[in-house]
Amino acid sequence: MGITETNINQRDGTFRNQNAYLASKYQGYWSDNADKIKGSGVGILIARKWEPYIGRVIKHSAYYIEVTLFLKKCTLIIGNIYVPPTDKTVQKDLLKFIKSQHQKYKNNKYTFFNIMGDFNSIIEGSIDHNGPGKQKKKPSMIVKWLKDANFIDSYREINPDQKGYTWHKHYETYTVHSR
């Protein structure tokens, strides 16, 4: 399970891991977020039964964490990302890192690289966004690259034509919905 925009660091995440219910079911891994930057901080919760297979945790920044599970016949890499919508420097850094990780894994047919999180971007304006300027919205550079690299938007794969929104903003005269 991925959690984004936690605004917590590794130390705070470790404290949260001590919650009795969570601790009995999940092991949490948290990005480093020493500066408590608004919107930063990501985490991954792994069910306890999968914990013996965890072989590596990479904390690239306050915006990306990756857990690698070494299973019997494959390797599963799970990345969780938060892409700040207005910080192009962080976006470029995240894209560069994800590309380098993908380059390492892409030629191994038994390695599966999954990225989840909050991309703060839309893929298809006509069905992923409802509000003023919906046709003008373009996918971010990260989303474009993921699409070009044949990553699959699991929601859109299962619901190819369905409008479904995870973000809503209410203004005085209209409401914006986005996924």
Foldseek 3Di string as FASTA:
>chain_A
DKDWQPLDAQVVVVVVCPPVVLVQFWDKDKAGDPPSDGGFIMMDTDGPVQVVQWDDWDRPHSFKIWTWGDDDQAIEIEMEGDDPPPDVVVVVVVLVVVVVVCVVPVVDPRYHYYYDYHQVAADQLVQFKDDPPSNVGHGDPNVVVCVVVPNDPVVCVVVVRHRDFDDWDDDPPDIMGGD
